[in-house]
C-alpha atoms as a PDB file:
ATOM      1  CA  MET A   1      13.542 -32.256  -6.524  1.00  0.00           C
ATOM      2  CA  THR A   2      14.727 -28.834  -7.738  1.00  0.00           C
ATOM      3  CA  THR A   3      12.993 -25.586  -6.775  1.00  0.00           C
ATOM      4  CA  VAL A   4      13.359 -22.823  -9.372  1.00  0.00           C
ATOM      5  CA  LYS A   5      13.072 -19.280  -8.059  1.00  0.00           C
ATOM      6  CA  PHE A   6      12.427 -16.155 -10.132  1.00  0.00           C
ATOM      7  CA  VAL A   7      11.485 -12.530  -9.507  1.00  0.00           C
ATOM      8  CA  HIS A   8       8.349 -11.078 -11.093  1.00  0.00           C
ATOM      9  CA  LEU A   9       8.231  -7.329 -11.759  1.00  0.00           C
ATOM     10  CA  THR A  10       5.626  -5.509 -13.787  1.00  0.00           C
ATOM     11  CA  ASP A  11       4.425  -2.103 -14.984  1.00  0.00           C
ATOM     12  CA  THR A  12       7.720  -0.259 -14.576  1.00  0.00           C
ATOM     13  CA  HIS A  13       6.600   2.683 -16.794  1.00  0.00           C
ATOM     14  CA  MET A  14      10.165   3.911 -17.291  1.00  0.00           C
ATOM     15  CA  ASN A  15      11.379   6.768 -19.500  1.00  0.00           C
ATOM     16  CA  ALA A  16      14.849   8.037 -20.289  1.00  0.00           C
ATOM     17  CA  PRO A  17      16.047  10.970 -18.122  1.00  0.00           C
ATOM     18  CA  GLY A  18      14.982  14.384 -19.321  1.00  0.00           C
ATOM     19  CA  LYS A  19      11.950  13.129 -21.267  1.00  0.00           C
ATOM     20  CA  ASP A  20       8.496  14.708 -21.094  1.00  0.00           C
ATOM     21  CA  GLY A  21       5.368  12.756 -20.305  1.00  0.00           C
ATOM     22  CA  LEU A  22       2.758  11.917 -17.731  1.00  0.00           C
ATOM     23  CA  LEU A  23       5.056   9.831 -15.493  1.00  0.00           C
ATOM     24  CA  ALA A  24       8.519  10.759 -16.757  1.00  0.00           C
ATOM     25  CA  LYS A  25       9.105  13.377 -14.038  1.00  0.00           C
ATOM     26  CA  PHE A  26       8.876  10.690 -11.316  1.00  0.00           C
ATOM     27  CA  GLN A  27      12.065   8.918 -12.557  1.00  0.00           C
ATOM     28  CA  LEU A  28      10.512   5.492 -12.202  1.00  0.00           C
ATOM     29  CA  ALA A  29      13.640   3.775 -13.485  1.00  0.00           C
ATOM     30  CA  ASP A  30      15.191   4.552 -10.111  1.00  0.00           C
ATOM     31  CA  LYS A  31      12.659   2.224  -8.484  1.00  0.00           C
ATOM     32  CA  VAL A  32      13.646  -0.613 -10.787  1.00  0.00           C
ATOM     33  CA  ALA A  33      17.332  -0.069  -9.995  1.00  0.00           C
ATOM     34  CA  GLN A  34      16.401  -0.109  -6.287  1.00  0.00           C
ATOM     35  CA  VAL A  35      14.663  -3.460  -6.732  1.00  0.00           C
ATOM     36  CA  PHE A  36      17.780  -4.964  -8.299  1.00  0.00           C
ATOM     37  CA  ARG A  37      19.927  -3.633  -5.459  1.00  0.00           C
ATOM     38  CA  TYR A  38      17.515  -5.193  -2.951  1.00  0.00           C
ATOM     39  CA  ILE A  39      17.654  -8.521  -4.767  1.00  0.00           C
ATOM     40  CA  GLU A  40      21.442  -8.468  -4.628  1.00  0.00           C
ATOM     41  CA  GLU A  41      21.710  -7.266  -1.025  1.00  0.00           C
ATOM     42  CA  THR A  42      19.226  -9.827   0.315  1.00  0.00           C
ATOM     43  CA  LYS A  43      20.707 -12.714  -1.689  1.00  0.00           C
ATOM     44  CA  ILE A  44      17.428 -13.768  -3.240  1.00  0.00           C
ATOM     45  CA  ALA A  45      19.469 -15.342  -6.078  1.00  0.00           C
ATOM     46  CA  PRO A  46      16.733 -15.819  -8.699  1.00  0.00           C
ATOM     47  CA  ALA A  47      17.260 -17.907 -11.813  1.00  0.00           C
ATOM     48  CA  PHE A  48      15.841 -15.010 -13.830  1.00  0.00           C
ATOM     49  CA  VAL A  49      13.825 -11.821 -13.586  1.00  0.00           C
ATOM     50  CA  LEU A  50      10.512 -11.482 -15.454  1.00  0.00           C
ATOM     51  CA  ILE A  51       8.876  -8.142 -16.301  1.00  0.00           C
ATOM     52  CA  THR A  52       5.300  -8.435 -17.538  1.00  0.00           C
ATOM     53  CA  GLY A  53       4.826  -5.340 -19.630  1.00  0.00           C
ATOM     54  CA  ASP A  54       4.404  -1.579 -19.640  1.00  0.00           C
ATOM     55  CA  LEU A  55       8.172  -1.312 -19.598  1.00  0.00           C
ATOM     56  CA  THR A  56       7.782   2.355 -20.521  1.00  0.00           C
ATOM     57  CA  HIS A  57       5.000   4.901 -20.542  1.00  0.00           C
ATOM     58  CA  GLU A  58       4.462   5.733 -24.211  1.00  0.00           C
ATOM     59  CA  GLY A  59       8.178   5.441 -24.899  1.00  0.00           C
ATOM     60  CA  ASP A  60      10.247   5.827 -28.052  1.00  0.00           C
ATOM     61  CA  ALA A  61      13.428   4.047 -29.177  1.00  0.00           C
ATOM     62  CA  GLU A  62      15.551   6.267 -26.930  1.00  0.00           C
ATOM     63  CA  ASP A  63      13.469   5.236 -23.919  1.00  0.00           C
ATOM     64  CA  TYR A  64      13.817   1.540 -24.770  1.00  0.00           C
ATOM     65  CA  ALA A  65      17.570   1.879 -25.220  1.00  0.00           C
ATOM     66  CA  TYR A  66      17.756   3.439 -21.756  1.00  0.00           C
ATOM     67  CA  ILE A  67      15.532   0.694 -20.292  1.00  0.00           C
ATOM     68  CA  ARG A  68      17.825  -1.938 -21.791  1.00  0.00           C
ATOM     69  CA  GLN A  69      20.766  -0.211 -20.118  1.00  0.00           C
ATOM     70  CA  VAL A  70      18.993  -0.190 -16.736  1.00  0.00           C
ATOM     71  CA  LEU A  71      17.994  -3.841 -17.013  1.00  0.00           C
ATOM     72  CA  ASP A  72      21.411  -4.973 -18.271  1.00  0.00           C
ATOM     73  CA  GLU A  73      23.037  -3.261 -15.280  1.00  0.00           C
ATOM     74  CA  GLY A  74      20.551  -4.971 -12.969  1.00  0.00           C
ATOM     75  CA  SER A  75      21.159  -8.312 -14.649  1.00  0.00           C
ATOM     76  CA  ARG A  76      24.901  -8.017 -14.149  1.00  0.00           C
ATOM     77  CA  LEU A  77      24.433  -7.002 -10.505  1.00  0.00           C
ATOM     78  CA  ILE A  78      22.390 -10.072  -9.593  1.00  0.00           C
ATOM     79  CA  GLY A  79      23.942 -12.504 -12.076  1.00  0.00           C
ATOM     80  CA  ALA A  80      20.643 -13.480 -13.696  1.00  0.00           C
ATOM     81  CA  PRO A  81      18.973 -12.771 -17.068  1.00  0.00           C
ATOM     82  CA  VAL A  82      15.979 -10.466 -17.448  1.00  0.00           C
ATOM     83  CA  HIS A  83      13.065 -11.420 -19.719  1.00  0.00           C
ATOM     84  CA  VAL A  84      10.283  -9.031 -20.683  1.00  0.00           C
ATOM     85  CA  VAL A  85       6.927  -8.969 -22.430  1.00  0.00           C
ATOM     86  CA  LEU A  86       5.079  -5.968 -23.850  1.00  0.00           C
ATOM     87  CA  GLY A  87       2.085  -4.127 -22.357  1.00  0.00           C
ATOM     88  CA  ASN A  88      -0.541  -1.741 -23.677  1.00  0.00           C
ATOM     89  CA  HIS A  89       1.699   1.297 -23.054  1.00  0.00           C
ATOM     90  CA  ASP A  90       4.565  -0.275 -25.014  1.00  0.00           C
ATOM     91  CA  HIS A  91       5.192   0.148 -28.736  1.00  0.00           C
ATOM     92  CA  ARG A  92       6.505  -2.721 -30.838  1.00  0.00           C
ATOM     93  CA  GLY A  93       8.577  -0.779 -33.383  1.00  0.00           C
ATOM     94  CA  PRO A  94      10.508   1.382 -30.905  1.00  0.00           C
ATOM     95  CA  PHE A  95      10.936  -1.667 -28.599  1.00  0.00           C
ATOM     96  CA  ARG A  96      12.521  -3.713 -31.364  1.00  0.00           C
ATOM     97  CA  GLU A  97      14.740  -0.829 -32.374  1.00  0.00           C
ATOM     98  CA  GLY A  98      15.812   0.505 -28.990  1.00  0.00           C
ATOM     99  CA  TYR A  99      15.667  -2.586 -26.763  1.00  0.00           C
ATOM    100  CA  LEU A 100      16.443  -5.439 -29.134  1.00  0.00           C
ATOM    101  CA  GLY A 101      18.630  -3.523 -31.569  1.00  0.00           C
ATOM    102  CA  GLU A 102      16.580  -4.767 -34.524  1.00  0.00           C
ATOM    103  CA  GLN A 103      14.807  -3.112 -37.411  1.00  0.00           C
ATOM    104  CA  PRO A 104      11.470  -1.589 -36.290  1.00  0.00           C
ATOM    105  CA  SER A 105       8.577  -3.965 -36.791  1.00  0.00           C
ATOM    106  CA  GLU A 106       4.970  -4.310 -35.685  1.00  0.00           C
ATOM    107  CA  GLU A 107       5.321  -8.082 -35.383  1.00  0.00           C
ATOM    108  CA  PRO A 108       4.305  -9.424 -31.928  1.00  0.00           C
ATOM    109  CA  TYR A 109       7.125 -10.276 -29.543  1.00  0.00           C
ATOM    110  CA  TYR A 110       6.868 -13.757 -28.027  1.00  0.00           C
ATOM    111  CA  TYR A 111       9.311 -16.518 -27.104  1.00  0.00           C
ATOM    112  CA  SER A 112      10.109 -19.657 -25.127  1.00  0.00           C
ATOM    113  CA  HIS A 113      13.186 -20.069 -22.907  1.00  0.00           C
ATOM    114  CA  THR A 114      14.059 -22.914 -20.577  1.00  0.00           C
ATOM    115  CA  ILE A 115      16.017 -21.911 -17.468  1.00  0.00           C
ATOM    116  CA  ASP A 116      17.061 -24.534 -14.905  1.00  0.00           C
ATOM    117  CA  GLY A 117      14.484 -26.864 -16.432  1.00  0.00           C
ATOM    118  CA  LEU A 118      11.624 -24.360 -16.031  1.00  0.00           C
ATOM    119  CA  ARG A 119      10.159 -23.196 -19.345  1.00  0.00           C
ATOM    120  CA  LEU A 120       9.197 -19.512 -19.583  1.00  0.00           C
ATOM    121  CA  ILE A 121       6.750 -18.681 -22.343  1.00  0.00           C
ATOM    122  CA  GLY A 122       6.332 -14.960 -23.055  1.00  0.00           C
ATOM    123  CA  LEU A 123       3.257 -13.858 -25.022  1.00  0.00           C
ATOM    124  CA  ASN A 124       2.344 -10.529 -26.607  1.00  0.00           C
ATOM    125  CA  SER A 125      -1.202  -9.747 -25.423  1.00  0.00           C
ATOM    126  CA  GLN A 126      -0.875  -6.094 -26.388  1.00  0.00           C
ATOM    127  CA  VAL A 127      -3.247  -4.769 -29.054  1.00  0.00           C
ATOM    128  CA  PRO A 128      -1.594  -1.655 -30.570  1.00  0.00           C
ATOM    129  CA  GLY A 129      -3.665   1.439 -29.806  1.00  0.00           C
ATOM    130  CA  ASP A 130      -6.076  -0.352 -27.448  1.00  0.00           C
ATOM    131  CA  HIS A 131      -6.337  -0.872 -23.704  1.00  0.00           C
ATOM    132  CA  ASN A 132      -7.580  -4.447 -23.863  1.00  0.00           C
ATOM    133  CA  GLY A 133      -5.546  -7.593 -24.494  1.00  0.00           C
ATOM    134  CA  THR A 134      -5.706 -10.465 -26.940  1.00  0.00           C
ATOM    135  CA  VAL A 135      -3.358 -13.306 -27.812  1.00  0.00           C
ATOM    136  CA  ASP A 136      -3.650 -13.546 -31.607  1.00  0.00           C
ATOM    137  CA  GLU A 137      -4.274 -16.702 -33.638  1.00  0.00           C
ATOM    138  CA  THR A 138      -0.630 -17.067 -34.714  1.00  0.00           C
ATOM    139  CA  GLN A 139       0.576 -17.017 -31.124  1.00  0.00           C
ATOM    140  CA  MET A 140      -2.208 -19.385 -30.042  1.00  0.00           C
ATOM    141  CA  ALA A 141      -1.174 -21.964 -32.629  1.00  0.00           C
ATOM    142  CA  TRP A 142       2.482 -21.586 -31.618  1.00  0.00           C
ATOM    143  CA  LEU A 143       1.570 -21.851 -27.918  1.00  0.00           C
ATOM    144  CA  LYS A 144      -0.331 -25.118 -28.395  1.00  0.00           C
ATOM    145  CA  GLN A 145       2.571 -26.587 -30.351  1.00  0.00           C
ATOM    146  CA  GLU A 146       5.067 -25.467 -27.723  1.00  0.00           C
ATOM    147  CA  LEU A 147       3.031 -27.013 -24.895  1.00  0.00           C
ATOM    148  CA  SER A 148       2.658 -30.330 -26.713  1.00  0.00           C
ATOM    149  CA  THR A 149       6.014 -31.292 -25.144  1.00  0.00           C
ATOM    150  CA  ALA A 150       6.529 -30.956 -21.386  1.00  0.00           C
ATOM    151  CA  ALA A 151       9.505 -29.184 -19.819  1.00  0.00           C
ATOM    152  CA  PRO A 152      11.575 -30.876 -17.078  1.00  0.00           C
ATOM    153  CA  ASN A 153      10.370 -28.555 -14.293  1.00  0.00           C
ATOM    154  CA  GLY A 154       7.113 -27.323 -15.784  1.00  0.00           C
ATOM    155  CA  THR A 155       6.143 -24.098 -17.559  1.00  0.00           C
ATOM    156  CA  VAL A 156       5.188 -20.572 -16.534  1.00  0.00           C
ATOM    157  CA  VAL A 157       3.406 -18.220 -18.941  1.00  0.00           C
ATOM    158  CA  ALA A 158       3.966 -14.458 -18.936  1.00  0.00           C
ATOM    159  CA  LEU A 159       1.772 -11.793 -20.532  1.00  0.00           C
ATOM    160  CA  HIS A 160       0.587  -8.314 -19.634  1.00  0.00           C
ATOM    161  CA  HIS A 161      -3.188  -8.621 -19.389  1.00  0.00           C
ATOM    162  CA  PRO A 162      -4.515 -10.860 -16.597  1.00  0.00           C
ATOM    163  CA  MET A 163      -6.799 -13.810 -17.086  1.00  0.00           C
ATOM    164  CA  LEU A 164      -8.352 -13.245 -13.664  1.00  0.00           C
ATOM    165  CA  GLY A 165     -11.502 -11.172 -13.323  1.00  0.00           C
ATOM    166  CA  ILE A 166     -10.296  -8.373 -11.026  1.00  0.00           C
ATOM    167  CA  GLY A 167     -12.999  -6.977  -8.714  1.00  0.00           C
ATOM    168  CA  GLY A 168     -13.852  -3.348  -9.415  1.00  0.00           C
ATOM    169  CA  MET A 169     -11.829  -3.124 -12.628  1.00  0.00           C
ATOM    170  CA  LEU A 170     -13.320  -2.550 -16.039  1.00  0.00           C
ATOM    171  CA  GLY A 171     -13.843  -5.544 -18.327  1.00  0.00           C
ATOM    172  CA  ASP A 172     -11.214  -4.376 -20.811  1.00  0.00           C
ATOM    173  CA  HIS A 173      -8.492  -4.943 -18.224  1.00  0.00           C
ATOM    174  CA  ILE A 174      -8.530  -8.685 -18.831  1.00  0.00           C
ATOM    175  CA  LEU A 175      -7.890 -10.790 -21.894  1.00  0.00           C
ATOM    176  CA  THR A 176     -10.668 -10.834 -24.464  1.00  0.00           C
ATOM    177  CA  ASN A 177      -9.923 -14.501 -25.297  1.00  0.00           C
ATOM    178  CA  ARG A 178      -8.987 -15.733 -21.827  1.00  0.00           C
ATOM    179  CA  ARG A 179     -11.266 -18.781 -22.113  1.00  0.00           C
ATOM    180  CA  GLU A 180      -9.446 -19.956 -25.226  1.00  0.00           C
ATOM    181  CA  ILE A 181      -6.068 -19.455 -23.572  1.00  0.00           C
ATOM    182  CA  GLY A 182      -7.187 -21.139 -20.357  1.00  0.00           C
ATOM    183  CA  GLU A 183      -8.392 -24.182 -22.270  1.00  0.00           C
ATOM    184  CA  ALA A 184      -5.063 -24.334 -24.142  1.00  0.00           C
ATOM    185  CA  LEU A 185      -3.168 -24.346 -20.831  1.00  0.00           C
ATOM    186  CA  ALA A 186      -5.418 -26.821 -19.015  1.00  0.00           C
ATOM    187  CA  GLY A 187      -3.957 -30.312 -18.808  1.00  0.00           C
ATOM    188  CA  THR A 188      -0.470 -29.194 -19.811  1.00  0.00           C
ATOM    189  CA  ASP A 189       2.637 -28.718 -17.642  1.00  0.00           C
ATOM    190  CA  VAL A 190       1.807 -25.015 -17.045  1.00  0.00           C
ATOM    191  CA  VAL A 191       2.007 -24.301 -13.299  1.00  0.00           C
ATOM    192  CA  GLY A 192       1.365 -20.557 -13.337  1.00  0.00           C
ATOM    193  CA  VAL A 193       0.416 -17.501 -15.389  1.00  0.00           C
ATOM    194  CA  PHE A 194       1.978 -14.128 -14.495  1.00  0.00           C
ATOM    195  CA  ALA A 195       0.585 -10.747 -15.542  1.00  0.00           C
ATOM    196  CA  GLY A 196       0.314  -7.084 -14.581  1.00  0.00           C
ATOM    197  CA  HIS A 197      -1.754  -4.204 -16.003  1.00  0.00           C
ATOM    198  CA  VAL A 198      -4.144  -3.720 -13.069  1.00  0.00           C
ATOM    199  CA  HIS A 199      -1.648  -2.194 -10.565  1.00  0.00           C
ATOM    200  CA  SER A 200      -2.909  -4.324  -7.688  1.00  0.00           C
ATOM    201  CA  ASP A 201      -1.858  -7.701  -6.252  1.00  0.00           C
ATOM    202  CA  ASN A 202      -4.219 -10.515  -7.188  1.00  0.00           C
ATOM    203  CA  VAL A 203      -3.656 -14.281  -6.853  1.00  0.00           C
ATOM    204  CA  GLY A 204      -6.212 -16.883  -7.872  1.00  0.00           C
ATOM    205  CA  SER A 205      -6.831 -19.731 -10.295  1.00  0.00           C
ATOM    206  CA  TYR A 206      -8.384 -19.925 -13.704  1.00  0.00           C
ATOM    207  CA  LEU A 207      -9.452 -23.312 -15.060  1.00  0.00           C
ATOM    208  CA  GLY A 208      -7.231 -24.919 -12.457  1.00  0.00           C
ATOM    209  CA  VAL A 209      -4.031 -22.951 -13.134  1.00  0.00           C
ATOM    210  CA  VAL A 210      -2.503 -20.482 -10.672  1.00  0.00           C
ATOM    211  CA  ASN A 211      -2.803 -16.895 -11.947  1.00  0.00           C
ATOM    212  CA  VAL A 212      -0.935 -13.900 -10.550  1.00  0.00           C
ATOM    213  CA  ALA A 213      -1.570 -10.239 -11.484  1.00  0.00           C
ATOM    214  CA  ALA A 214       0.938  -8.037  -9.687  1.00  0.00           C
ATOM    215  CA  ALA A 215       0.869  -4.363  -8.647  1.00  0.00           C
ATOM    216  CA  GLY A 216       4.215  -3.373 -10.105  1.00  0.00           C
ATOM    217  CA  THR A 217       7.049  -0.985  -9.333  1.00  0.00           C
ATOM    218  CA  ALA A 218       5.582   2.309 -10.586  1.00  0.00           C
ATOM    219  CA  PHE A 219       2.382   2.846  -8.595  1.00  0.00           C
ATOM    220  CA  ILE A 220      -0.672   1.118  -7.180  1.00  0.00           C
ATOM    221  CA  GLY A 221      -4.206   1.910  -8.299  1.00  0.00           C
ATOM    222  CA  LYS A 222      -7.032   2.578  -5.855  1.00  0.00           C
ATOM    223  CA  ALA A 223     -10.661   3.514  -6.381  1.00  0.00           C
ATOM    224  CA  ASP A 224     -12.232   6.061  -4.045  1.00  0.00           C
ATOM    225  CA  ALA A 225     -15.865   6.690  -3.022  1.00  0.00           C
ATOM    226  CA  GLU A 226     -16.346   9.125  -5.888  1.00  0.00           C
ATOM    227  CA  GLU A 227     -15.345   6.424  -8.403  1.00  0.00           C
ATOM    228  CA  ASN A 228     -12.004   8.013  -9.159  1.00  0.00           C
ATOM    229  CA  PHE A 229      -8.896   5.995  -9.974  1.00  0.00           C
ATOM    230  CA  ARG A 230      -5.997   7.140  -7.779  1.00  0.00           C
ATOM    231  CA  MET A 231      -2.374   6.474  -8.760  1.00  0.00           C
ATOM    232  CA  ILE A 232      -0.373   6.121  -5.529  1.00  0.00           C
ATOM    233  CA  ASP A 233       3.421   6.027  -5.201  1.00  0.00           C
ATOM    234  CA  ALA A 234       4.367   2.396  -4.423  1.00  0.00           C
ATOM    235  CA  CYS A 235       6.911  -0.234  -5.356  1.00  0.00           C
ATOM    236  CA  SER A 236       6.467  -3.989  -5.056  1.00  0.00           C
ATOM    237  CA  PHE A 237       7.480  -7.215  -6.737  1.00  0.00           C
ATOM    238  CA  ASN A 238       7.029 -10.963  -6.318  1.00  0.00           C
ATOM    239  CA  VAL A 239       9.474 -13.732  -5.504  1.00  0.00           C
ATOM    240  CA  VAL A 240       8.102 -16.908  -7.078  1.00  0.00           C
ATOM    241  CA  SER A 241       9.241 -20.434  -6.258  1.00  0.00           C
ATOM    242  CA  VAL A 242       8.257 -23.381  -8.444  1.00  0.00           C
ATOM    243  CA  THR A 243       8.780 -26.839  -6.978  1.00  0.00           C
ATOM    244  CA  PRO A 244       8.011 -29.681  -9.398  1.00  0.00           C
ATOM    245  CA  GLY A 245       5.416 -32.056  -8.026  1.00  0.00           C
ATOM    246  CA  GLU A 246       4.431 -29.650  -5.255  1.00  0.00           C
ATOM    247  CA  GLY A 247       3.369 -26.315  -6.727  1.00  0.00           C
ATOM    248  CA  VAL A 248       3.993 -22.591  -6.769  1.00  0.00           C
ATOM    249  CA  SER A 249       4.538 -20.116  -3.948  1.00  0.00           C
ATOM    250  CA  VAL A 250       4.372 -16.322  -4.397  1.00  0.00           C
ATOM    251  CA  GLN A 251       5.848 -13.866  -1.893  1.00  0.00           C
ATOM    252  CA  THR A 252       5.080 -10.156  -2.435  1.00  0.00           C
ATOM    253  CA  LEU A 253       7.728  -7.737  -1.226  1.00  0.00           C
ATOM    254  CA  SER A 254       7.273  -3.966  -0.961  1.00  0.00           C
ATOM    255  CA  LEU A 255       9.995  -1.338  -0.805  1.00  0.00           C
ATOM    256  CA  PRO A 256       9.572   2.001   1.045  1.00  0.00           C
ATOM    257  CA  THR A 257       8.025   4.884  -0.921  1.00  0.00           C
ATOM    258  CA  SER A 258       6.365   8.210  -0.098  1.00  0.00           C
ATOM    259  CA  GLY A 259       2.829   6.843  -0.553  1.00  0.00           C
ATOM    260  CA  THR A 260       1.807  10.149  -2.116  1.00  0.00           C
ATOM    261  CA  GLU A 261      -0.780  10.457  -4.873  1.00  0.00           C
ATOM    262  CA  TYR A 262       0.534  10.958  -8.401  1.00  0.00           C
ATOM    263  CA  PHE A 263      -2.772  11.553 -10.169  1.00  0.00           C
ATOM    264  CA  ARG A 264      -6.474  10.793 -10.013  1.00  0.00           C
ATOM    265  CA  PHE A 265      -9.136  10.652 -12.710  1.00  0.00           C
ATOM    266  CA  PRO A 266     -12.613   9.119 -13.150  1.00  0.00           C
ATOM    267  CA  MET A 267     -12.735   5.337 -13.440  1.00  0.00           C
ATOM    268  CA  LYS A 268     -14.618   5.761 -16.716  1.00  0.00           C
ATOM    269  CA  ALA A 269     -11.533   7.452 -18.151  1.00  0.00           C
ATOM    270  CA  LEU A 270      -9.341   4.392 -17.545  1.00  0.00           C
ATOM    271  CA  ALA A 271      -9.980   3.001 -21.017  1.00  0.00           C
ATOM    272  CA  ALA A 272      -8.871   6.318 -22.510  1.00  0.00           C
ATOM    273  CA  GLN A 273      -5.481   5.830 -20.825  1.00  0.00           C
ATOM    274  CA  HIS A 274      -4.889   2.944 -23.252  1.00  0.00           C
END
């Protein structure tokens, strides 16, 4: 029986040094580099690292090229590949140009990789220009075909928008077609779904499948008594272990930060943050 371990990061919101923008001045890429150093120093030894979207905060091709540099350096440090999916703050054209080194394109970015017998399926739930998430019909058809054959150690699915209903969060923070996706996953070898977007740690099940929505490395989100959304300096990630025939365990680790408030704004304005 082989246990496959991976690290789940999300919502890194990185920008290249010297860029302008809402979060650029906080140098959030430094937190990601710190996470990789921690992984190496503590000998976590994951099979891979997964980042579930919002790689940047409204970034361009230069930002994505810088992010690729940061993640490649981290990958070399820990000796494991890094796989990413896109979030609502990401942009497909600049991502393909700066991160993948391809011609700009608005085509969704999705894939399937098998690592140590564990299949990782990455989906593009991002809807360009919108805050909500949807897995389009083309991806749904591909997903069903992919899952028609089981992987040796099971499958995990990665996407940005959670399938879980998160208490206190607006309805557009989850997938608009989560029922359809959940029914496609039910009865297959999928052992877990991993997401971000909500900047809080949430673990539950949806139609019998473990679902994890993580807080991320950039900040956590908290609501106050006046119904404001507060963005608080924080940095956390998950260590996930998948043991075939037994199940999934998720350990959340937090690194030291100042705990100061970055920004606050009314909860009703969350959707406008797209």
